Amino acid sequence: MQQSLRQRLSYGTLMLAALLALLYFDYWVERTSHLAGVGLLLLMLVMLPLATTEVGHLFVAEQVRPYRFLAGMGSGLLAIHAFMTQFPWFQHIAASTLAFIIVFTMILAAVRRALGGKSEEAIAHMAGTVLAMLYLGGLAWFLIAIRVKHSADRLHGFQGSTQAVVMILLVVKFTDIGAYFGGRTFGRHKLIPWLSPGKTWEGLFFGLLTASLVGLACSLIWPVALSTVTWPKALLFGIIVGAVGQAGDLLESLMKRDAQVKDSGSLIPGFGGLLDVIDSPLLAAPAAYLLFSLF
């Protein structure tokens, strides 16, 4: 237990430092070249293929066998698609290009199966490949789209920024921290004992309370970058995004229990797999995108 905690602290600190450095690079590139999201795109292009492989490993438990290379490639293409939406010339073909990526990946999976000279389980391979691609690549699309989003109304519409992405990450991770310490101190009533025995309703309450305060702090620290997020909206943002992040954590727990594994992988000592680290922020990204758009 102590060794696991030391590993989490050590590797968690290193990952946080690397993430902050990359996000600062992202911010610097936009300041110097007006090109948004370069650092975040690079991060996704490295992480998504690795995490997609872990998702494929979980799917195998139900005899859903995605072609992991194709799913990882499709995830990367979705990330690039989101990055390209910042260019006006691309926005006119964004919808058709998105549909093409999804269908093209499915067709490649079918061709891959046919080249093997087998027709058995062709549908399972095709469906699994597309599902693995959309589970991570589709969710990452929203995170990058938030970063590069620019409203036509620059005075009142939401403008994407590195700070907006950091706000999502902080809200989700501090929800975990608040839930952990709140649950250990006050936890009495189990949330879903058969799925995640360690989670309690009291922990969830303190996690969402922490998330709302972190959302408020972000709006106060970065009033220019988050100009459309007033303090009441920031409190609401923290609660909703924090809750969705917790649901994402439970979703991965459900898949891991179905696959009968403790962790999605062993890439990161103390944490397990990469999917164990990024599942909550990615699941929260669509909700954050909707809230920023409404704000």
C-alpha atoms as a PDB file:
ATOM      1  CA  MET A   1       0.000   0.000   0.000  1.00  0.00           C
ATOM      2  CA  GLN A   2       2.768   2.435   0.965  1.00  0.00           C
ATOM      3  CA  GLN A   3       4.764   1.529  -2.142  1.00  0.00           C
ATOM      4  CA  SER A   4       1.717   2.146  -4.330  1.00  0.00           C
ATOM      5  CA  LEU A   5       1.155   5.521  -2.658  1.00  0.00           C
ATOM      6  CA  ARG A   6       4.807   6.514  -3.183  1.00  0.00           C
ATOM      7  CA  GLN A   7       4.565   5.516  -6.836  1.00  0.00           C
ATOM      8  CA  ARG A   8       1.382   7.532  -7.294  1.00  0.00           C
ATOM      9  CA  LEU A   9       2.980  10.595  -5.715  1.00  0.00           C
ATOM     10  CA  SER A  10       6.197  10.251  -7.716  1.00  0.00           C
ATOM     11  CA  TYR A  11       4.716   9.458 -11.099  1.00  0.00           C
ATOM     12  CA  GLY A  12       1.761  11.767 -10.509  1.00  0.00           C
ATOM     13  CA  THR A  13       4.134  14.686  -9.907  1.00  0.00           C
ATOM     14  CA  LEU A  14       6.136  13.862 -13.034  1.00  0.00           C
ATOM     15  CA  MET A  15       2.989  13.584 -15.168  1.00  0.00           C
ATOM     16  CA  LEU A  16       1.652  16.856 -13.802  1.00  0.00           C
ATOM     17  CA  ALA A  17       4.947  18.652 -14.510  1.00  0.00           C
ATOM     18  CA  ALA A  18       5.056  17.250 -18.063  1.00  0.00           C
ATOM     19  CA  LEU A  19       1.423  18.212 -18.657  1.00  0.00           C
ATOM     20  CA  LEU A  20       1.926  21.773 -17.414  1.00  0.00           C
ATOM     21  CA  ALA A  21       5.044  22.150 -19.561  1.00  0.00           C
ATOM     22  CA  LEU A  22       3.190  20.933 -22.637  1.00  0.00           C
ATOM     23  CA  LEU A  23       0.223  23.203 -21.956  1.00  0.00           C
ATOM     24  CA  TYR A  24       2.574  26.154 -21.519  1.00  0.00           C
ATOM     25  CA  PHE A  25       4.104  25.256 -24.886  1.00  0.00           C
ATOM     26  CA  ASP A  26       0.575  25.179 -26.277  1.00  0.00           C
ATOM     27  CA  TYR A  27      -0.073  28.665 -24.861  1.00  0.00           C
ATOM     28  CA  TRP A  28       3.270  29.987 -26.167  1.00  0.00           C
ATOM     29  CA  VAL A  29       2.673  28.702 -29.707  1.00  0.00           C
ATOM     30  CA  GLU A  30      -0.684  30.480 -29.861  1.00  0.00           C
ATOM     31  CA  ARG A  31       0.826  33.726 -28.570  1.00  0.00           C
ATOM     32  CA  THR A  32       3.579  33.644 -31.191  1.00  0.00           C
ATOM     33  CA  SER A  33       1.800  32.151 -34.211  1.00  0.00           C
ATOM     34  CA  HIS A  34      -1.951  32.405 -33.448  1.00  0.00           C
ATOM     35  CA  LEU A  35      -2.191  28.648 -34.013  1.00  0.00           C
ATOM     36  CA  ALA A  36      -4.265  27.149 -31.202  1.00  0.00           C
ATOM     37  CA  GLY A  37      -3.995  23.710 -29.663  1.00  0.00           C
ATOM     38  CA  VAL A  38      -0.645  22.483 -31.028  1.00  0.00           C
ATOM     39  CA  GLY A  39       0.597  21.191 -27.678  1.00  0.00           C
ATOM     40  CA  LEU A  40      -2.705  19.539 -26.818  1.00  0.00           C
ATOM     41  CA  LEU A  41      -2.842  17.886 -30.244  1.00  0.00           C
ATOM     42  CA  LEU A  42       0.662  16.459 -29.796  1.00  0.00           C
ATOM     43  CA  LEU A  43      -0.329  15.113 -26.392  1.00  0.00           C
ATOM     44  CA  MET A  44      -3.418  13.418 -27.810  1.00  0.00           C
ATOM     45  CA  LEU A  45      -1.522  11.924 -30.739  1.00  0.00           C
ATOM     46  CA  VAL A  46       0.849  10.248 -28.280  1.00  0.00           C
ATOM     47  CA  MET A  47      -1.716   9.117 -25.709  1.00  0.00           C
ATOM     48  CA  LEU A  48      -4.699   8.067 -27.818  1.00  0.00           C
ATOM     49  CA  PRO A  49      -3.108   5.114 -29.655  1.00  0.00           C
ATOM     50  CA  LEU A  50      -1.742   3.766 -26.361  1.00  0.00           C
ATOM     51  CA  ALA A  51      -5.051   4.195 -24.550  1.00  0.00           C
ATOM     52  CA  THR A  52      -6.993   2.751 -27.488  1.00  0.00           C
ATOM     53  CA  THR A  53      -4.878  -0.390 -27.229  1.00  0.00           C
ATOM     54  CA  GLU A  54      -5.901  -0.679 -23.574  1.00  0.00           C
ATOM     55  CA  VAL A  55      -9.566  -0.250 -24.510  1.00  0.00           C
ATOM     56  CA  GLY A  56      -9.165  -3.020 -27.056  1.00  0.00           C
ATOM     57  CA  HIS A  57      -7.744  -5.254 -24.340  1.00  0.00           C
ATOM     58  CA  LEU A  58     -10.862  -4.658 -22.208  1.00  0.00           C
ATOM     59  CA  PHE A  59     -13.187  -5.332 -25.136  1.00  0.00           C
ATOM     60  CA  VAL A  60     -11.631  -8.749 -25.756  1.00  0.00           C
ATOM     61  CA  ALA A  61     -13.340  -9.994 -22.581  1.00  0.00           C
ATOM     62  CA  GLU A  62     -16.658  -9.864 -24.441  1.00  0.00           C
ATOM     63  CA  GLN A  63     -15.233 -11.297 -27.657  1.00  0.00           C
ATOM     64  CA  VAL A  64     -15.243  -7.845 -29.251  1.00  0.00           C
ATOM     65  CA  ARG A  65     -11.906  -7.763 -31.005  1.00  0.00           C
ATOM     66  CA  PRO A  66     -11.043  -4.367 -32.471  1.00  0.00           C
ATOM     67  CA  TYR A  67      -8.077  -3.926 -34.756  1.00  0.00           C
ATOM     68  CA  ARG A  68      -6.073  -1.825 -32.348  1.00  0.00           C
ATOM     69  CA  PHE A  69      -3.811  -0.200 -34.913  1.00  0.00           C
ATOM     70  CA  LEU A  70      -6.787   0.930 -36.990  1.00  0.00           C
ATOM     71  CA  ALA A  71      -8.675   2.125 -33.913  1.00  0.00           C
ATOM     72  CA  GLY A  72      -5.618   4.089 -32.749  1.00  0.00           C
ATOM     73  CA  MET A  73      -5.172   5.578 -36.210  1.00  0.00           C
ATOM     74  CA  GLY A  74      -8.843   6.578 -36.308  1.00  0.00           C
ATOM     75  CA  SER A  75      -8.555   8.179 -32.863  1.00  0.00           C
ATOM     76  CA  GLY A  76      -5.594  10.239 -34.065  1.00  0.00           C
ATOM     77  CA  LEU A  77      -7.517  11.336 -37.156  1.00  0.00           C
ATOM     78  CA  LEU A  78     -10.415  12.492 -34.977  1.00  0.00           C
ATOM     79  CA  ALA A  79      -7.986  14.535 -32.877  1.00  0.00           C
ATOM     80  CA  ILE A  80      -6.539  16.123 -36.020  1.00  0.00           C
ATOM     81  CA  HIS A  81     -10.077  16.814 -37.276  1.00  0.00           C
ATOM     82  CA  ALA A  82     -10.911  18.719 -34.081  1.00  0.00           C
ATOM     83  CA  PHE A  83      -7.684  20.709 -34.414  1.00  0.00           C
ATOM     84  CA  MET A  84      -8.566  21.648 -38.008  1.00  0.00           C
ATOM     85  CA  THR A  85     -11.953  23.092 -37.041  1.00  0.00           C
ATOM     86  CA  GLN A  86     -10.217  26.330 -36.080  1.00  0.00           C
ATOM     87  CA  PHE A  87      -9.638  27.128 -39.769  1.00  0.00           C
ATOM     88  CA  PRO A  88     -12.570  28.805 -41.576  1.00  0.00           C
ATOM     89  CA  TRP A  89     -11.843  26.991 -44.848  1.00  0.00           C
ATOM     90  CA  PHE A  90     -12.103  23.620 -43.098  1.00  0.00           C
ATOM     91  CA  GLN A  91     -15.320  24.405 -41.248  1.00  0.00           C
ATOM     92  CA  HIS A  92     -17.293  24.079 -44.497  1.00  0.00           C
ATOM     93  CA  ILE A  93     -16.233  20.432 -44.881  1.00  0.00           C
ATOM     94  CA  ALA A  94     -15.916  19.513 -41.204  1.00  0.00           C
ATOM     95  CA  ALA A  95     -19.126  17.457 -40.981  1.00  0.00           C
ATOM     96  CA  SER A  96     -18.483  15.459 -44.145  1.00  0.00           C
ATOM     97  CA  THR A  97     -14.840  14.870 -43.161  1.00  0.00           C
ATOM     98  CA  LEU A  98     -15.888  13.600 -39.738  1.00  0.00           C
ATOM     99  CA  ALA A  99     -18.325  11.132 -41.304  1.00  0.00           C
ATOM    100  CA  PHE A 100     -15.655  10.012 -43.757  1.00  0.00           C
ATOM    101  CA  ILE A 101     -13.153   9.252 -40.968  1.00  0.00           C
ATOM    102  CA  ILE A 102     -15.655   7.054 -39.133  1.00  0.00           C
ATOM    103  CA  VAL A 103     -16.854   5.186 -42.215  1.00  0.00           C
ATOM    104  CA  PHE A 104     -13.340   4.865 -43.664  1.00  0.00           C
ATOM    105  CA  THR A 105     -12.077   3.294 -40.446  1.00  0.00           C
ATOM    106  CA  MET A 106     -14.932   0.792 -40.494  1.00  0.00           C
ATOM    107  CA  ILE A 107     -14.204  -0.064 -44.133  1.00  0.00           C
ATOM    108  CA  LEU A 108     -10.513  -0.555 -43.373  1.00  0.00           C
ATOM    109  CA  ALA A 109     -11.470  -2.962 -40.584  1.00  0.00           C
ATOM    110  CA  ALA A 110     -13.616  -4.923 -43.054  1.00  0.00           C
ATOM    111  CA  VAL A 111     -10.802  -5.006 -45.611  1.00  0.00           C
ATOM    112  CA  ARG A 112      -8.354  -6.088 -42.919  1.00  0.00           C
ATOM    113  CA  ARG A 113     -10.610  -9.010 -42.037  1.00  0.00           C
ATOM    114  CA  ALA A 114     -11.131  -9.947 -45.681  1.00  0.00           C
ATOM    115  CA  LEU A 115      -7.377  -9.957 -46.339  1.00  0.00           C
ATOM    116  CA  GLY A 116      -7.058 -12.584 -43.651  1.00  0.00           C
ATOM    117  CA  GLY A 117      -9.252 -14.863 -45.706  1.00  0.00           C
ATOM    118  CA  LYS A 118     -11.920 -15.113 -43.007  1.00  0.00           C
ATOM    119  CA  SER A 119     -15.487 -13.908 -42.739  1.00  0.00           C
ATOM    120  CA  GLU A 120     -16.129 -15.141 -39.191  1.00  0.00           C
ATOM    121  CA  GLU A 121     -16.527 -12.379 -36.588  1.00  0.00           C
ATOM    122  CA  ALA A 122     -16.170  -9.704 -39.268  1.00  0.00           C
ATOM    123  CA  ILE A 123     -18.963  -7.643 -37.709  1.00  0.00           C
ATOM    124  CA  ALA A 124     -17.418  -7.935 -34.230  1.00  0.00           C
ATOM    125  CA  HIS A 125     -14.069  -6.705 -35.576  1.00  0.00           C
ATOM    126  CA  MET A 126     -15.651  -3.815 -37.487  1.00  0.00           C
ATOM    127  CA  ALA A 127     -17.919  -2.726 -34.639  1.00  0.00           C
ATOM    128  CA  GLY A 128     -15.166  -3.119 -32.056  1.00  0.00           C
ATOM    129  CA  THR A 129     -12.733  -1.034 -34.099  1.00  0.00           C
ATOM    130  CA  VAL A 130     -15.213   1.812 -34.533  1.00  0.00           C
ATOM    131  CA  LEU A 131     -16.309   1.687 -30.878  1.00  0.00           C
ATOM    132  CA  ALA A 132     -12.722   1.740 -29.607  1.00  0.00           C
ATOM    133  CA  MET A 133     -11.988   4.687 -31.898  1.00  0.00           C
ATOM    134  CA  LEU A 134     -15.035   6.665 -30.793  1.00  0.00           C
ATOM    135  CA  TYR A 135     -14.680   5.877 -27.100  1.00  0.00           C
ATOM    136  CA  LEU A 136     -11.381   7.767 -26.862  1.00  0.00           C
ATOM    137  CA  GLY A 137     -10.900   9.618 -30.149  1.00  0.00           C
ATOM    138  CA  GLY A 138     -14.473  10.877 -30.126  1.00  0.00           C
ATOM    139  CA  LEU A 139     -14.169  12.120 -26.554  1.00  0.00           C
ATOM    140  CA  ALA A 140     -10.763  13.690 -27.206  1.00  0.00           C
ATOM    141  CA  TRP A 141     -12.371  15.532 -30.130  1.00  0.00           C
ATOM    142  CA  PHE A 142     -14.388  17.605 -27.655  1.00  0.00           C
ATOM    143  CA  LEU A 143     -11.337  18.473 -25.551  1.00  0.00           C
ATOM    144  CA  ILE A 144      -9.386  19.751 -28.556  1.00  0.00           C
ATOM    145  CA  ALA A 145     -12.470  21.474 -29.963  1.00  0.00           C
ATOM    146  CA  ILE A 146     -12.796  23.403 -26.694  1.00  0.00           C
ATOM    147  CA  ARG A 147      -9.178  24.496 -27.027  1.00  0.00           C
ATOM    148  CA  VAL A 148      -9.548  25.806 -30.586  1.00  0.00           C
ATOM    149  CA  LYS A 149     -13.147  27.052 -30.351  1.00  0.00           C
ATOM    150  CA  HIS A 150     -13.645  30.673 -31.383  1.00  0.00           C
ATOM    151  CA  SER A 151     -17.064  32.281 -31.344  1.00  0.00           C
ATOM    152  CA  ALA A 152     -18.076  34.703 -34.068  1.00  0.00           C
ATOM    153  CA  ASP A 153     -19.163  37.049 -31.284  1.00  0.00           C
ATOM    154  CA  ARG A 154     -15.797  37.837 -29.726  1.00  0.00           C
ATOM    155  CA  LEU A 155     -17.312  40.113 -27.092  1.00  0.00           C
ATOM    156  CA  HIS A 156     -19.865  37.718 -25.655  1.00  0.00           C
ATOM    157  CA  GLY A 157     -19.096  34.290 -27.143  1.00  0.00           C
ATOM    158  CA  PHE A 158     -16.724  31.706 -25.677  1.00  0.00           C
ATOM    159  CA  GLN A 159     -13.140  31.762 -26.935  1.00  0.00           C
ATOM    160  CA  GLY A 160     -11.048  28.638 -26.501  1.00  0.00           C
ATOM    161  CA  SER A 161      -7.874  28.855 -24.433  1.00  0.00           C
ATOM    162  CA  THR A 162      -5.311  26.762 -22.604  1.00  0.00           C
ATOM    163  CA  GLN A 163      -6.875  27.987 -19.363  1.00  0.00           C
ATOM    164  CA  ALA A 164     -10.222  26.433 -20.324  1.00  0.00           C
ATOM    165  CA  VAL A 165      -8.560  23.034 -20.766  1.00  0.00           C
ATOM    166  CA  VAL A 166      -6.689  23.410 -17.466  1.00  0.00           C
ATOM    167  CA  MET A 167      -9.988  24.307 -15.786  1.00  0.00           C
ATOM    168  CA  ILE A 168     -11.542  21.022 -16.960  1.00  0.00           C
ATOM    169  CA  LEU A 169      -8.538  18.987 -15.781  1.00  0.00           C
ATOM    170  CA  LEU A 170      -8.427  20.700 -12.385  1.00  0.00           C
ATOM    171  CA  VAL A 171     -12.155  20.336 -11.777  1.00  0.00           C
ATOM    172  CA  VAL A 172     -12.126  16.620 -12.629  1.00  0.00           C
ATOM    173  CA  LYS A 173      -9.008  15.755 -10.647  1.00  0.00           C
ATOM    174  CA  PHE A 174      -9.978  17.816  -7.588  1.00  0.00           C
ATOM    175  CA  THR A 175     -13.343  16.077  -7.619  1.00  0.00           C
ATOM    176  CA  ASP A 176     -11.392  12.840  -7.124  1.00  0.00           C
ATOM    177  CA  ILE A 177      -9.306  14.395  -4.347  1.00  0.00           C
ATOM    178  CA  GLY A 178     -12.315  15.861  -2.543  1.00  0.00           C
ATOM    179  CA  ALA A 179     -14.232  12.609  -2.868  1.00  0.00           C
ATOM    180  CA  TYR A 180     -11.289  10.592  -1.551  1.00  0.00           C
ATOM    181  CA  PHE A 181     -10.662  12.641   1.580  1.00  0.00           C
ATOM    182  CA  GLY A 182     -14.343  13.372   2.179  1.00  0.00           C
ATOM    183  CA  GLY A 183     -15.170   9.700   1.846  1.00  0.00           C
ATOM    184  CA  ARG A 184     -12.381   8.605   4.183  1.00  0.00           C
ATOM    185  CA  THR A 185     -13.431  11.139   6.816  1.00  0.00           C
ATOM    186  CA  PHE A 186     -17.217  11.102   6.609  1.00  0.00           C
ATOM    187  CA  GLY A 187     -18.091   8.171   4.348  1.00  0.00           C
ATOM    188  CA  ARG A 188     -20.859   5.973   5.720  1.00  0.00           C
ATOM    189  CA  HIS A 189     -23.172   5.166   2.824  1.00  0.00           C
ATOM    190  CA  LYS A 190     -21.820   3.264  -0.180  1.00  0.00           C
ATOM    191  CA  LEU A 191     -22.514   4.759  -3.590  1.00  0.00           C
ATOM    192  CA  ILE A 192     -22.502   1.588  -5.721  1.00  0.00           C
ATOM    193  CA  PRO A 193     -20.945  -1.092  -3.492  1.00  0.00           C
ATOM    194  CA  TRP A 194     -20.984  -3.894  -6.076  1.00  0.00           C
ATOM    195  CA  LEU A 195     -19.156  -1.766  -8.646  1.00  0.00           C
ATOM    196  CA  SER A 196     -16.868   0.551  -6.677  1.00  0.00           C
ATOM    197  CA  PRO A 197     -16.802  -0.361  -2.964  1.00  0.00           C
ATOM    198  CA  GLY A 198     -14.620   2.591  -2.021  1.00  0.00           C
ATOM    199  CA  LYS A 199     -16.999   5.309  -3.243  1.00  0.00           C
ATOM    200  CA  THR A 200     -19.573   6.808  -0.884  1.00  0.00           C
ATOM    201  CA  TRP A 201     -22.378   9.359  -1.163  1.00  0.00           C
ATOM    202  CA  GLU A 202     -20.583  11.536   1.373  1.00  0.00           C
ATOM    203  CA  GLY A 203     -17.410  11.372  -0.696  1.00  0.00           C
ATOM    204  CA  LEU A 204     -19.354  12.335  -3.816  1.00  0.00           C
ATOM    205  CA  PHE A 205     -20.842  15.346  -2.004  1.00  0.00           C
ATOM    206  CA  PHE A 206     -17.448  16.616  -0.873  1.00  0.00           C
ATOM    207  CA  GLY A 207     -15.980  15.886  -4.295  1.00  0.00           C
ATOM    208  CA  LEU A 208     -18.612  18.018  -6.034  1.00  0.00           C
ATOM    209  CA  LEU A 209     -18.242  20.727  -3.399  1.00  0.00           C
ATOM    210  CA  THR A 210     -14.500  20.797  -4.081  1.00  0.00           C
ATOM    211  CA  ALA A 211     -15.149  20.849  -7.840  1.00  0.00           C
ATOM    212  CA  SER A 212     -17.454  23.858  -7.549  1.00  0.00           C
ATOM    213  CA  LEU A 213     -14.863  25.789  -5.518  1.00  0.00           C
ATOM    214  CA  VAL A 214     -12.114  24.909  -8.021  1.00  0.00           C
ATOM    215  CA  GLY A 215     -14.360  26.102 -10.872  1.00  0.00           C
ATOM    216  CA  LEU A 216     -14.940  29.368  -9.010  1.00  0.00           C
ATOM    217  CA  ALA A 217     -11.203  29.782  -8.353  1.00  0.00           C
ATOM    218  CA  CYS A 218     -10.403  29.290 -12.049  1.00  0.00           C
ATOM    219  CA  SER A 219     -12.903  31.971 -13.086  1.00  0.00           C
ATOM    220  CA  LEU A 220     -11.330  34.393 -10.613  1.00  0.00           C
ATOM    221  CA  ILE A 221      -7.717  33.588 -11.505  1.00  0.00           C
ATOM    222  CA  TRP A 222      -8.276  33.807 -15.285  1.00  0.00           C
ATOM    223  CA  PRO A 223     -11.026  36.439 -15.724  1.00  0.00           C
ATOM    224  CA  VAL A 224      -9.887  37.373 -19.240  1.00  0.00           C
ATOM    225  CA  ALA A 225      -9.495  33.874 -20.695  1.00  0.00           C
ATOM    226  CA  LEU A 226     -12.744  32.760 -19.041  1.00  0.00           C
ATOM    227  CA  SER A 227     -14.621  36.029 -19.450  1.00  0.00           C
ATOM    228  CA  THR A 228     -17.942  34.338 -20.290  1.00  0.00           C
ATOM    229  CA  VAL A 229     -17.781  32.126 -17.182  1.00  0.00           C
ATOM    230  CA  THR A 230     -19.191  34.293 -14.408  1.00  0.00           C
ATOM    231  CA  TRP A 231     -18.910  33.054 -10.836  1.00  0.00           C
ATOM    232  CA  PRO A 232     -22.395  31.448 -10.688  1.00  0.00           C
ATOM    233  CA  LYS A 233     -21.654  29.662 -13.979  1.00  0.00           C
ATOM    234  CA  ALA A 234     -18.263  28.582 -12.652  1.00  0.00           C
ATOM    235  CA  LEU A 235     -19.871  26.979  -9.598  1.00  0.00           C
ATOM    236  CA  LEU A 236     -22.396  25.188 -11.816  1.00  0.00           C
ATOM    237  CA  PHE A 237     -19.626  24.161 -14.234  1.00  0.00           C
ATOM    238  CA  GLY A 238     -17.647  22.580 -11.412  1.00  0.00           C
ATOM    239  CA  ILE A 239     -20.602  20.570 -10.135  1.00  0.00           C
ATOM    240  CA  ILE A 240     -21.730  19.274 -13.543  1.00  0.00           C
ATOM    241  CA  VAL A 241     -18.283  18.523 -14.969  1.00  0.00           C
ATOM    242  CA  GLY A 242     -17.161  16.978 -11.689  1.00  0.00           C
ATOM    243  CA  ALA A 243     -20.238  14.738 -11.625  1.00  0.00           C
ATOM    244  CA  VAL A 244     -19.729  13.616 -15.226  1.00  0.00           C
ATOM    245  CA  GLY A 245     -16.070  12.905 -14.474  1.00  0.00           C
ATOM    246  CA  GLN A 246     -17.114  10.653 -11.595  1.00  0.00           C
ATOM    247  CA  ALA A 247     -19.580   8.896 -13.904  1.00  0.00           C
ATOM    248  CA  GLY A 248     -16.732   8.339 -16.362  1.00  0.00           C
ATOM    249  CA  ASP A 249     -14.670   6.744 -13.608  1.00  0.00           C
ATOM    250  CA  LEU A 250     -17.566   4.414 -12.797  1.00  0.00           C
ATOM    251  CA  LEU A 251     -17.958   3.590 -16.481  1.00  0.00           C
ATOM    252  CA  GLU A 252     -14.367   2.416 -16.690  1.00  0.00           C
ATOM    253  CA  SER A 253     -14.826   0.453 -13.455  1.00  0.00           C
ATOM    254  CA  LEU A 254     -17.793  -1.269 -15.102  1.00  0.00           C
ATOM    255  CA  MET A 255     -15.698  -2.241 -18.121  1.00  0.00           C
ATOM    256  CA  LYS A 256     -12.810  -3.449 -15.969  1.00  0.00           C
ATOM    257  CA  ARG A 257     -15.137  -5.552 -13.841  1.00  0.00           C
ATOM    258  CA  ASP A 258     -16.634  -7.049 -16.980  1.00  0.00           C
ATOM    259  CA  ALA A 259     -13.130  -7.810 -18.260  1.00  0.00           C
ATOM    260  CA  GLN A 260     -12.170  -9.112 -14.794  1.00  0.00           C
ATOM    261  CA  VAL A 261      -9.054  -6.968 -14.510  1.00  0.00           C
ATOM    262  CA  LYS A 262      -7.973  -4.558 -11.780  1.00  0.00           C
ATOM    263  CA  ASP A 263      -6.369  -1.969 -14.080  1.00  0.00           C
ATOM    264  CA  SER A 264      -6.640  -1.206 -17.784  1.00  0.00           C
ATOM    265  CA  GLY A 265      -2.883  -1.742 -18.122  1.00  0.00           C
ATOM    266  CA  SER A 266       0.462  -1.432 -16.353  1.00  0.00           C
ATOM    267  CA  LEU A 267       2.049   1.463 -18.231  1.00  0.00           C
ATOM    268  CA  ILE A 268       2.117   3.859 -15.279  1.00  0.00           C
ATOM    269  CA  PRO A 269       3.301   2.439 -11.924  1.00  0.00           C
ATOM    270  CA  GLY A 270       0.902   3.244  -9.101  1.00  0.00           C
ATOM    271  CA  PHE A 271      -1.903   4.194 -11.490  1.00  0.00           C
ATOM    272  CA  GLY A 272      -2.230   1.192 -13.777  1.00  0.00           C
ATOM    273  CA  GLY A 273      -2.892   1.942 -17.407  1.00  0.00           C
ATOM    274  CA  LEU A 274      -3.062   5.215 -19.259  1.00  0.00           C
ATOM    275  CA  LEU A 275      -6.826   4.770 -19.528  1.00  0.00           C
ATOM    276  CA  ASP A 276      -7.039   4.791 -15.724  1.00  0.00           C
ATOM    277  CA  VAL A 277      -5.608   8.325 -15.775  1.00  0.00           C
ATOM    278  CA  ILE A 278      -7.424   9.970 -18.685  1.00  0.00           C
ATOM    279  CA  ASP A 279     -10.873   8.346 -18.583  1.00  0.00           C
ATOM    280  CA  SER A 280     -12.547  10.951 -16.347  1.00  0.00           C
ATOM    281  CA  PRO A 281     -11.284  14.105 -18.138  1.00  0.00           C
ATOM    282  CA  LEU A 282     -12.208  12.684 -21.537  1.00  0.00           C
ATOM    283  CA  LEU A 283     -15.702  11.639 -20.415  1.00  0.00           C
ATOM    284  CA  ALA A 284     -16.215  15.111 -18.945  1.00  0.00           C
ATOM    285  CA  ALA A 285     -15.095  16.900 -22.143  1.00  0.00           C
ATOM    286  CA  PRO A 286     -18.461  16.715 -24.013  1.00  0.00           C
ATOM    287  CA  ALA A 287     -20.317  18.161 -21.007  1.00  0.00           C
ATOM    288  CA  ALA A 288     -17.705  20.914 -20.687  1.00  0.00           C
ATOM    289  CA  TYR A 289     -18.000  21.692 -24.413  1.00  0.00           C
ATOM    290  CA  LEU A 290     -21.782  22.056 -24.082  1.00  0.00           C
ATOM    291  CA  LEU A 291     -21.521  24.265 -20.999  1.00  0.00           C
ATOM    292  CA  PHE A 292     -18.874  26.540 -22.557  1.00  0.00           C
ATOM    293  CA  SER A 293     -21.053  26.849 -25.667  1.00  0.00           C
ATOM    294  CA  LEU A 294     -24.086  27.789 -23.556  1.00  0.00           C
ATOM    295  CA  PHE A 295     -21.997  30.266 -21.547  1.00  0.00           C
END
